Amino acid sequence: MSARELVVLGTASQVPTRHRNHNGYLLRWDGEGILFDPGEGTQRQMLRAGVAAHDIHRICVTHFHGDHALGLAGVIQRINLDQVPHPVTAHFPASGQHFFDRLRFATAYRQSVELAEAPVAADGVLATTDAYSLDGHRLSHPVESYGYRLTEPDRRRMLPAKLAEHGIAGPDVGRIQREGALRGVRIEDVSEHRRGQRFAFVMDTRLCDGAFALAEGCDMLVIESTFLDEDGRLAADHGHLTAGQAARVARESGVRHLVLTHFSQRYTDPDAFEHQARAAGFEGELTIARDLITVPVPTRHQ
């Protein structure tokens, strides 16, 4: 089975620091790669993390503040320079079309790859493939911002013991999967429901319905925690979350693995974010993101 994992390219909010690059996250999902919020320096971070332009199939931009989008120009040009052999689709807030255009055509280059633009103007499904559906939900930030969610379709897992009990083997296994029944045996008699995996990406936002909708039931939630709880007023004023608020979203939404990121330069101790997330009651897997780490999507319940 192909890897499902998050490659963290950058974790800084607003400005890069000595140890944190601007934002950038690549989700590997069954041979497809989705690049989220490529900030300045993303192309170099890709090199350091072993991510190639060929790995990118979609680009999802939450909003057009520089720390989330200034890397678009370089990434798009690299996709063309390397002659990526498949089309690439870009999702971004429709209100920022003029920003996307400026970044896409910031300098002269030869366009060799089909780059489809799919602006986001409302909550709902943005794309559907055999492997997942991609949704967007509006967040609460001073500029229009959308979070993204991948949902794998629910499927059925065949049970070898039950198949053998009913004498179903070889090509008949595929037949009962396609037709739902075979010689009086229902597919429910020889299989069990397997819930599809879910991943959500929530960047700059205050607490809002959109954040909870994206996080609901996710196996992995990547979410900003720009501020610590003692700076909650600053967070609200600037349209951001604290570590405790991000953990509350994860806890109330039943998230299995929480990844906190997008840290203000004012903080130098990453342990403080972990302590506040735990104090807010989140008990699942927790990762305080660092540049260039890889975080596996949790294995299935079933």
Protein backbone atom coordinates (compact mmCIF):
# COMPACT_ATOMS: atom_id res chain seq x y z
CA MET A 1 0.00 0.00 0.00
CA SER A 2 1.32 3.45 -0.84
CA ALA A 3 2.35 5.71 2.01
CA ARG A 4 -0.07 8.09 3.65
CA GLU A 5 2.04 10.65 5.44
CA LEU A 6 2.52 14.35 6.06
CA VAL A 7 5.86 15.93 5.15
CA VAL A 8 6.32 19.18 7.08
CA LEU A 9 8.28 21.72 5.03
CA GLY A 10 7.85 24.77 7.27
CA THR A 11 6.18 25.76 10.53
CA ALA A 12 6.65 29.51 11.01
CA SER A 13 3.91 32.11 11.09
CA GLN A 14 4.37 35.56 9.54
CA VAL A 15 8.17 35.48 9.26
CA PRO A 16 10.71 32.65 9.06
CA THR A 17 13.12 32.17 11.93
CA ARG A 18 16.53 30.60 12.23
CA HIS A 19 14.91 27.19 12.79
CA ARG A 20 11.52 27.54 11.08
CA ASN A 21 10.80 28.14 7.42
CA HIS A 22 7.59 29.69 6.19
CA ASN A 23 4.65 27.27 5.92
CA GLY A 24 4.60 24.31 3.56
CA TYR A 25 3.10 20.82 3.92
CA LEU A 26 2.95 17.90 1.50
CA LEU A 27 0.40 15.15 2.10
CA ARG A 28 1.27 11.87 0.40
CA TRP A 29 -1.90 9.88 -0.23
CA ASP A 30 -1.68 6.62 -2.19
CA GLY A 31 0.74 7.84 -4.82
CA GLU A 32 -0.72 11.34 -5.04
CA GLY A 33 0.72 14.45 -3.42
CA ILE A 34 -1.17 17.50 -2.18
CA LEU A 35 0.88 20.59 -1.36
CA PHE A 36 -0.70 22.92 1.19
CA ASP A 37 0.19 26.60 1.69
CA PRO A 38 3.61 26.91 0.03
CA GLY A 39 5.23 29.88 1.72
CA GLU A 40 8.52 31.52 0.80
CA GLY A 41 11.39 29.02 0.62
CA THR A 42 9.18 25.99 -0.04
CA GLN A 43 11.15 24.94 -3.12
CA ARG A 44 14.38 24.67 -1.10
CA GLN A 45 12.62 22.88 1.76
CA MET A 46 11.28 20.35 -0.75
CA LEU A 47 14.86 19.59 -1.77
CA ARG A 48 15.92 19.14 1.85
CA ALA A 49 12.93 16.87 2.59
CA GLY A 50 13.29 14.70 -0.51
CA VAL A 51 10.10 16.02 -2.13
CA ALA A 52 10.18 16.38 -5.92
CA ALA A 53 7.99 18.54 -8.14
CA HIS A 54 6.76 15.26 -9.66
CA ASP A 55 5.20 14.44 -6.27
CA ILE A 56 2.72 17.31 -6.54
CA HIS A 57 -0.75 16.67 -8.01
CA ARG A 58 -2.71 19.40 -6.21
CA ILE A 59 -1.89 22.69 -4.55
CA CYS A 60 -4.27 23.95 -1.86
CA VAL A 61 -3.87 27.52 -0.62
CA THR A 62 -5.91 28.54 2.41
CA HIS A 63 -5.50 32.30 1.91
CA PHE A 64 -3.22 34.91 0.39
CA HIS A 65 -1.08 36.11 3.26
CA GLY A 66 2.58 35.90 2.30
CA ASP A 67 3.61 33.19 4.75
CA HIS A 68 1.10 30.87 3.07
CA ALA A 69 1.51 31.76 -0.60
CA LEU A 70 4.76 33.52 -1.51
CA GLY A 71 6.32 30.19 -2.51
CA LEU A 72 3.74 29.62 -5.23
CA ALA A 73 5.78 31.37 -7.90
CA GLY A 74 8.82 29.16 -7.40
CA VAL A 75 6.84 25.94 -7.00
CA ILE A 76 4.81 26.53 -10.15
CA GLN A 77 7.91 27.37 -12.16
CA ARG A 78 9.68 24.28 -10.82
CA ILE A 79 6.74 22.10 -11.85
CA ASN A 80 7.15 23.43 -15.38
CA LEU A 81 10.94 23.32 -15.40
CA ASP A 82 10.89 19.65 -14.37
CA GLN A 83 8.13 18.91 -16.92
CA VAL A 84 5.91 17.10 -14.44
CA PRO A 85 4.11 14.44 -16.55
CA HIS A 86 0.65 14.87 -15.03
CA PRO A 87 -1.78 17.79 -14.72
CA VAL A 88 -1.71 19.80 -11.48
CA THR A 89 -4.79 21.45 -9.97
CA ALA A 90 -4.64 24.55 -7.77
CA HIS A 91 -7.36 25.40 -5.24
CA PHE A 92 -7.44 28.84 -3.59
CA PRO A 93 -10.01 31.41 -2.41
CA ALA A 94 -11.76 32.86 -5.44
CA SER A 95 -11.48 36.36 -3.98
CA GLY A 96 -7.70 36.05 -4.30
CA GLN A 97 -7.66 35.29 -8.01
CA HIS A 98 -5.63 38.43 -8.73
CA PHE A 99 -3.00 37.37 -6.18
CA PHE A 100 -2.81 33.90 -7.71
CA ASP A 101 -2.41 35.38 -11.19
CA ARG A 102 0.42 37.64 -10.05
CA LEU A 103 2.25 34.77 -8.38
CA ARG A 104 1.68 32.34 -11.23
CA PHE A 105 3.08 34.80 -13.76
CA ALA A 106 5.54 36.65 -11.52
CA THR A 107 8.40 36.18 -14.01
CA ALA A 108 8.96 34.79 -17.48
CA TYR A 109 9.14 31.00 -17.89
CA ARG A 110 8.09 28.32 -20.36
CA GLN A 111 4.79 26.66 -19.46
CA SER A 112 5.07 22.92 -20.13
CA VAL A 113 2.55 21.50 -17.64
CA GLU A 114 -1.22 21.81 -17.50
CA LEU A 115 -2.10 23.77 -14.36
CA ALA A 116 -5.85 23.81 -13.78
CA GLU A 117 -7.24 26.57 -11.59
CA ALA A 118 -10.15 25.62 -9.32
CA PRO A 119 -10.99 28.64 -7.14
CA VAL A 120 -13.04 28.08 -3.98
CA ALA A 121 -16.06 30.34 -3.50
CA ALA A 122 -18.25 28.41 -1.03
CA ASP A 123 -18.27 25.47 1.37
CA GLY A 124 -18.59 22.06 -0.25
CA VAL A 125 -16.97 19.38 -2.37
CA LEU A 126 -14.11 20.62 -4.55
CA ALA A 127 -13.00 17.40 -6.20
CA THR A 128 -13.78 13.69 -6.18
CA THR A 129 -11.43 10.87 -7.16
CA ASP A 130 -11.43 7.11 -6.59
CA ALA A 131 -9.16 7.65 -3.59
CA TYR A 132 -10.82 10.60 -1.84
CA SER A 133 -13.13 13.57 -1.94
CA LEU A 134 -11.74 17.04 -1.21
CA ASP A 135 -13.90 19.57 0.63
CA GLY A 136 -13.39 23.19 1.56
CA HIS A 137 -14.89 25.15 4.48
CA ARG A 138 -14.71 28.87 5.18
CA LEU A 139 -12.68 29.91 8.21
CA SER A 140 -12.58 33.14 10.27
CA HIS A 141 -9.61 35.34 9.39
CA PRO A 142 -9.19 39.00 8.38
CA VAL A 143 -8.89 37.89 4.73
CA GLU A 144 -10.98 35.16 3.10
CA SER A 145 -9.60 31.80 4.15
CA TYR A 146 -10.64 28.19 3.54
CA GLY A 147 -9.57 24.97 5.22
CA TYR A 148 -9.43 21.64 3.39
CA ARG A 149 -10.49 18.09 4.20
CA LEU A 150 -9.75 14.76 2.49
CA THR A 151 -12.23 11.94 3.00
CA GLU A 152 -11.59 8.43 1.75
CA PRO A 153 -14.78 6.60 0.69
CA ASP A 154 -16.07 4.00 3.12
CA ARG A 155 -15.49 0.48 1.85
CA ARG A 156 -15.92 -3.11 2.95
CA ARG A 157 -13.15 -5.40 4.19
CA MET A 158 -13.50 -9.00 3.14
CA LEU A 159 -13.20 -11.58 5.97
CA PRO A 160 -11.26 -14.70 4.84
CA ALA A 161 -12.80 -16.96 7.49
CA LYS A 162 -16.34 -15.96 6.50
CA LEU A 163 -15.54 -16.38 2.80
CA ALA A 164 -14.22 -19.88 3.47
CA GLU A 165 -17.23 -20.72 5.61
CA HIS A 166 -19.52 -19.93 2.66
CA GLY A 167 -17.29 -21.59 0.08
CA ILE A 168 -16.43 -18.38 -1.74
CA ALA A 169 -12.95 -18.25 -3.26
CA GLY A 170 -11.00 -17.13 -6.33
CA PRO A 171 -12.93 -15.07 -8.89
CA ASP A 172 -16.11 -15.38 -6.83
CA VAL A 173 -14.64 -12.98 -4.25
CA GLY A 174 -14.51 -10.23 -6.85
CA ARG A 175 -17.96 -11.17 -8.10
CA ILE A 176 -19.65 -10.81 -4.71
CA GLN A 177 -17.88 -7.48 -4.23
CA ARG A 178 -19.24 -6.20 -7.54
CA GLU A 179 -22.76 -7.66 -7.31
CA GLY A 180 -23.40 -7.56 -3.56
CA ALA A 181 -24.63 -11.15 -3.35
CA LEU A 182 -23.72 -14.61 -4.62
CA ARG A 183 -25.67 -17.89 -4.35
CA GLY A 184 -27.78 -16.49 -1.55
CA VAL A 185 -24.81 -15.09 0.39
CA ARG A 186 -24.88 -11.33 0.97
CA ILE A 187 -21.69 -9.28 0.99
CA GLU A 188 -22.59 -8.26 4.56
CA ASP A 189 -22.24 -11.96 5.54
CA VAL A 190 -18.59 -12.15 4.46
CA SER A 191 -17.27 -8.64 5.08
CA GLU A 192 -17.31 -5.76 7.51
CA HIS A 193 -17.64 -2.02 7.12
CA ARG A 194 -14.32 -0.16 6.83
CA ARG A 195 -14.54 3.54 7.49
CA GLY A 196 -12.52 5.70 5.15
CA GLN A 197 -9.64 7.70 6.58
CA ARG A 198 -9.99 11.46 7.00
CA PHE A 199 -7.46 14.28 7.00
CA ALA A 200 -8.02 17.99 7.61
CA PHE A 201 -5.87 21.07 7.17
CA VAL A 202 -6.89 24.16 9.13
CA MET A 203 -4.77 27.28 9.00
CA ASP A 204 -5.25 30.90 10.05
CA THR A 205 -8.59 31.17 11.83
CA ARG A 206 -10.38 32.01 15.01
CA LEU A 207 -12.63 29.38 16.60
CA CYS A 208 -15.49 28.93 14.13
CA ASP A 209 -17.95 26.36 12.80
CA GLY A 210 -15.76 25.75 9.77
CA ALA A 211 -12.84 24.55 11.89
CA PHE A 212 -15.03 22.05 13.73
CA ALA A 213 -16.68 20.85 10.50
CA LEU A 214 -13.29 20.16 8.93
CA ALA A 215 -11.93 18.36 12.00
CA GLU A 216 -14.95 16.14 12.69
CA GLY A 217 -13.89 12.50 12.99
CA CYS A 218 -10.47 13.03 11.41
CA ASP A 219 -7.63 10.56 11.69
CA MET A 220 -5.21 13.47 11.38
CA LEU A 221 -5.79 17.19 11.89
CA VAL A 222 -3.08 19.69 10.96
CA ILE A 223 -4.03 22.96 12.60
CA GLU A 224 -2.46 26.29 13.42
CA SER A 225 -1.68 27.21 17.02
CA THR A 226 0.02 30.53 16.48
CA PHE A 227 -0.27 31.70 20.09
CA LEU A 228 -0.13 30.27 23.58
CA ASP A 229 -3.25 30.59 25.72
CA GLU A 230 -1.99 33.56 27.72
CA ASP A 231 -2.00 35.56 24.48
CA GLY A 232 -5.60 34.72 23.64
CA ARG A 233 -6.56 38.35 23.06
CA LEU A 234 -3.82 38.72 20.45
CA ALA A 235 -5.01 35.52 18.80
CA ALA A 236 -8.59 36.79 18.54
CA ASP A 237 -7.50 40.22 17.29
CA HIS A 238 -5.37 38.74 14.50
CA GLY A 239 -7.65 35.86 13.57
CA HIS A 240 -5.68 32.96 15.04
CA LEU A 241 -5.94 30.07 17.48
CA THR A 242 -4.10 29.36 20.70
CA ALA A 243 -2.69 25.93 21.49
CA GLY A 244 -5.56 25.26 23.89
CA GLN A 245 -8.18 26.31 21.35
CA ALA A 246 -6.66 24.11 18.64
CA ALA A 247 -6.64 21.18 21.07
CA ARG A 248 -10.28 21.90 21.94
CA VAL A 249 -11.22 21.62 18.26
CA ALA A 250 -9.43 18.26 18.09
CA ARG A 251 -10.89 16.96 21.36
CA GLU A 252 -14.49 17.90 20.61
CA SER A 253 -14.21 16.58 17.04
CA GLY A 254 -12.83 13.15 17.93
CA VAL A 255 -9.47 13.63 16.18
CA ARG A 256 -7.02 10.73 16.52
CA HIS A 257 -3.74 12.52 15.73
CA LEU A 258 -3.32 16.25 16.25
CA VAL A 259 -0.48 18.13 14.54
CA LEU A 260 0.08 21.66 15.87
CA THR A 261 2.02 24.12 13.69
CA HIS A 262 2.30 27.76 12.49
CA PHE A 263 4.07 29.11 15.57
CA SER A 264 4.69 32.77 16.32
CA GLN A 265 8.33 33.84 16.44
CA ARG A 266 7.75 35.12 19.99
CA TYR A 267 7.92 31.54 21.34
CA THR A 268 11.07 29.44 21.54
CA ASP A 269 9.92 26.50 23.69
CA PRO A 270 7.83 23.98 21.70
CA ASP A 271 7.04 22.03 24.88
CA ALA A 272 4.73 24.83 25.98
CA PHE A 273 2.37 24.06 23.08
CA GLU A 274 2.28 20.39 24.04
CA HIS A 275 1.59 21.20 27.69
CA GLN A 276 -1.30 23.51 26.84
CA ALA A 277 -2.80 21.07 24.34
CA ARG A 278 -2.80 18.34 26.99
CA ALA A 279 -4.16 20.74 29.60
CA ALA A 280 -7.07 21.43 27.24
CA GLY A 281 -7.99 17.74 27.43
CA PHE A 282 -6.73 16.29 24.16
CA GLU A 283 -5.63 12.69 24.83
CA GLY A 284 -4.88 11.36 21.34
CA GLU A 285 -1.60 11.28 19.46
CA LEU A 286 0.03 14.70 19.43
CA THR A 287 2.83 16.09 17.29
CA ILE A 288 4.36 19.54 17.71
CA ALA A 289 5.51 20.09 14.15
CA ARG A 290 9.13 20.77 13.29
CA ASP A 291 10.54 21.58 9.89
CA LEU A 292 11.40 18.56 7.73
CA ILE A 293 9.74 15.87 9.85
CA THR A 294 7.43 13.23 8.38
CA VAL A 295 4.28 12.24 10.28
CA PRO A 296 2.46 9.03 9.24
CA VAL A 297 -1.32 9.15 9.00
CA PRO A 298 -2.58 6.81 11.76
CA THR A 299 -3.25 3.23 10.76
CA ARG A 300 -6.88 2.21 10.40
CA HIS A 301 -9.08 1.19 13.29
CA GLN A 302 -9.97 -1.94 11.26
